[in-house]
């Protein structure tokens, strides 16, 4: 980003203020920073395992590395580890995201986008078992090994 900004500044000087060659609509846009991502093979394996558990409960498979976009601009703002953008029960429940080992900024963006966020697989399983499936079990099944 710093290199691109330096290059743009240099190009502006060479173009003597005629910026139409640098931007498509004559307006210089700010660079969007995309936050979030699956950081390791272990994290990806845990998310895949959690996704399989959800399918075993009779619910739809979530989307790994879901690209969340800004509704106003369509620009990507975050990558959610595992998401159900239409809810675990399409049309009946809110969008849900599991965000393991993510920064607060990623969780905030997902929340602002209308997602109910979980940063712990066991808490997510409890939510699925008790609130989505309506079970009164104290503890959901453990993830399959």
Protein backbone atom coordinates (compact mmCIF):
# COMPACT_ATOMS: atom_id res chain seq x y z
CA UNK A 1 0.00 0.00 0.00
CA UNK A 2 2.83 2.38 0.86
CA UNK A 3 4.60 1.59 -2.40
CA UNK A 4 1.40 2.10 -4.41
CA UNK A 5 0.77 5.45 -2.68
CA UNK A 6 4.35 6.57 -3.39
CA UNK A 7 4.02 5.53 -7.04
CA UNK A 8 0.70 7.37 -7.38
CA UNK A 9 2.21 10.52 -5.87
CA UNK A 10 5.12 10.31 -8.30
CA UNK A 11 2.78 9.71 -11.27
CA UNK A 12 0.64 12.71 -10.24
CA UNK A 13 3.76 14.89 -10.33
CA UNK A 14 4.66 13.59 -13.79
CA UNK A 15 1.13 14.21 -15.07
CA UNK A 16 1.11 17.81 -13.76
CA UNK A 17 -2.23 17.34 -11.97
CA UNK A 18 -4.07 15.61 -14.86
CA UNK A 19 -5.35 12.72 -12.72
CA UNK A 20 -7.79 11.24 -15.26
CA UNK A 21 -5.04 8.80 -16.29
CA UNK A 22 -4.77 7.44 -12.74
CA UNK A 23 -8.46 6.95 -11.92
CA UNK A 24 -11.42 5.82 -13.98
CA UNK A 25 -13.98 8.40 -12.84
CA UNK A 26 -11.75 11.36 -12.00
CA UNK A 27 -11.97 10.67 -8.25
CA UNK A 28 -9.13 9.15 -6.34
CA UNK A 29 -10.48 6.33 -4.17
CA UNK A 30 -9.07 5.18 -0.87
CA UNK A 31 -7.50 1.76 -0.77
CA UNK A 32 -9.72 -0.81 0.96
CA UNK A 33 -8.05 -3.08 3.48
CA UNK A 34 -9.55 -6.57 3.66
CA UNK A 35 -9.35 -8.19 7.09
CA UNK A 36 -9.63 -11.78 8.27
CA UNK A 37 -8.57 -15.11 6.82
CA UNK A 38 -7.87 -18.70 7.79
CA UNK A 39 -4.35 -18.58 9.19
CA UNK A 40 -3.21 -22.19 9.36
CA UNK A 41 -3.84 -25.74 8.23
CA UNK A 42 -4.95 -26.61 11.78
CA UNK A 43 -7.52 -23.81 11.79
CA UNK A 44 -8.81 -24.88 8.38
CA UNK A 45 -9.11 -28.51 9.56
CA UNK A 46 -11.05 -27.41 12.65
CA UNK A 47 -13.41 -25.32 10.51
CA UNK A 48 -13.96 -28.18 8.04
CA UNK A 49 -14.67 -30.53 10.94
CA UNK A 50 -17.15 -28.06 12.42
CA UNK A 51 -18.83 -27.67 9.02
CA UNK A 52 -19.21 -31.47 8.76
CA UNK A 53 -20.75 -31.55 12.23
CA UNK A 54 -23.32 -28.97 11.11
CA UNK A 55 -24.20 -31.11 8.06
CA UNK A 56 -24.59 -34.16 10.34
CA UNK A 57 -27.19 -32.14 12.26
CA UNK A 58 -29.24 -31.86 9.05
CA UNK A 59 -28.32 -28.23 8.40
CA UNK A 60 -26.73 -26.69 5.30
CA UNK A 61 -22.99 -26.58 4.79
CA UNK A 62 -21.37 -23.22 5.53
CA UNK A 63 -19.02 -21.34 3.23
CA UNK A 64 -15.31 -21.49 4.10
CA UNK A 65 -13.42 -18.22 3.57
CA UNK A 66 -16.61 -16.29 2.82
CA UNK A 67 -15.89 -12.91 1.24
CA UNK A 68 -17.99 -10.26 2.99
CA UNK A 69 -18.69 -7.22 0.83
CA UNK A 70 -19.75 -3.68 1.68
CA UNK A 71 -23.42 -3.51 0.61
CA UNK A 72 -23.07 0.11 -0.57
CA UNK A 73 -19.98 -0.32 -2.77
CA UNK A 74 -19.70 -4.04 -3.35
CA UNK A 75 -16.05 -3.88 -2.27
CA UNK A 76 -14.73 -6.81 -0.25
CA UNK A 77 -14.12 -5.81 3.38
CA UNK A 78 -13.48 -9.08 5.22
CA UNK A 79 -12.94 -12.79 4.84
CA UNK A 80 -15.06 -14.72 7.33
CA UNK A 81 -13.62 -18.12 8.31
CA UNK A 82 -16.91 -20.03 8.08
CA UNK A 83 -20.24 -18.37 7.32
CA UNK A 84 -23.90 -19.00 6.65
CA UNK A 85 -24.90 -15.72 4.95
CA UNK A 86 -28.55 -16.82 4.70
CA UNK A 87 -28.59 -18.31 8.21
CA UNK A 88 -28.46 -21.92 9.33
CA UNK A 89 -32.16 -22.14 8.45
CA UNK A 90 -32.44 -20.06 5.30
CA UNK A 91 -34.88 -17.24 5.72
CA UNK A 92 -35.69 -18.24 9.29
CA UNK A 93 -32.48 -17.40 11.12
CA UNK A 94 -29.91 -14.63 11.04
CA UNK A 95 -26.57 -14.84 9.20
CA UNK A 96 -23.95 -16.63 11.30
CA UNK A 97 -20.14 -16.68 11.19
CA UNK A 98 -17.50 -18.69 13.04
CA UNK A 99 -14.33 -16.62 13.37
CA UNK A 100 -11.44 -18.48 14.96
CA UNK A 101 -8.35 -16.53 16.04
CA UNK A 102 -9.53 -13.33 14.34
CA UNK A 103 -8.80 -9.72 15.22
CA UNK A 104 -11.47 -7.57 16.82
CA UNK A 105 -11.75 -5.58 13.57
CA UNK A 106 -12.86 -8.69 11.65
CA UNK A 107 -15.46 -9.54 14.29
CA UNK A 108 -16.69 -5.94 14.29
CA UNK A 109 -17.08 -5.88 10.49
CA UNK A 110 -18.96 -9.18 10.52
CA UNK A 111 -21.24 -7.93 13.30
CA UNK A 112 -21.88 -4.66 11.47
CA UNK A 113 -22.77 -6.76 8.41
CA UNK A 114 -25.54 -8.45 10.41
CA UNK A 115 -23.70 -11.67 11.34
CA UNK A 116 -24.02 -13.36 14.70
CA UNK A 117 -20.38 -14.14 15.43
CA UNK A 118 -18.83 -17.03 17.33
CA UNK A 119 -15.15 -17.17 18.22
CA UNK A 120 -15.35 -20.59 19.87
CA UNK A 121 -16.46 -23.85 18.19
CA UNK A 122 -18.07 -25.24 21.37
CA UNK A 123 -20.20 -22.11 21.86
CA UNK A 124 -21.25 -22.31 18.22
CA UNK A 125 -22.23 -25.96 18.68
CA UNK A 126 -24.27 -25.04 21.77
CA UNK A 127 -26.04 -22.33 19.74
CA UNK A 128 -26.84 -24.79 16.95
CA UNK A 129 -28.04 -27.47 19.36
CA UNK A 130 -30.11 -25.29 21.67
CA UNK A 131 -31.34 -22.35 19.59
CA UNK A 132 -31.43 -23.66 16.02
CA UNK A 133 -32.38 -27.28 16.61
CA UNK A 134 -34.29 -26.59 19.83
CA UNK A 135 -32.64 -29.35 21.83
CA UNK A 136 -32.43 -29.08 25.61
CA UNK A 137 -29.09 -30.88 25.83
CA UNK A 138 -26.64 -29.27 28.21
CA UNK A 139 -23.62 -30.02 25.99
CA UNK A 140 -23.63 -30.62 22.24
CA UNK A 141 -21.92 -33.67 20.82
CA UNK A 142 -18.18 -33.39 20.60
CA UNK A 143 -16.72 -32.81 17.19
CA UNK A 144 -15.96 -36.05 15.38
CA UNK A 145 -12.27 -36.85 15.35
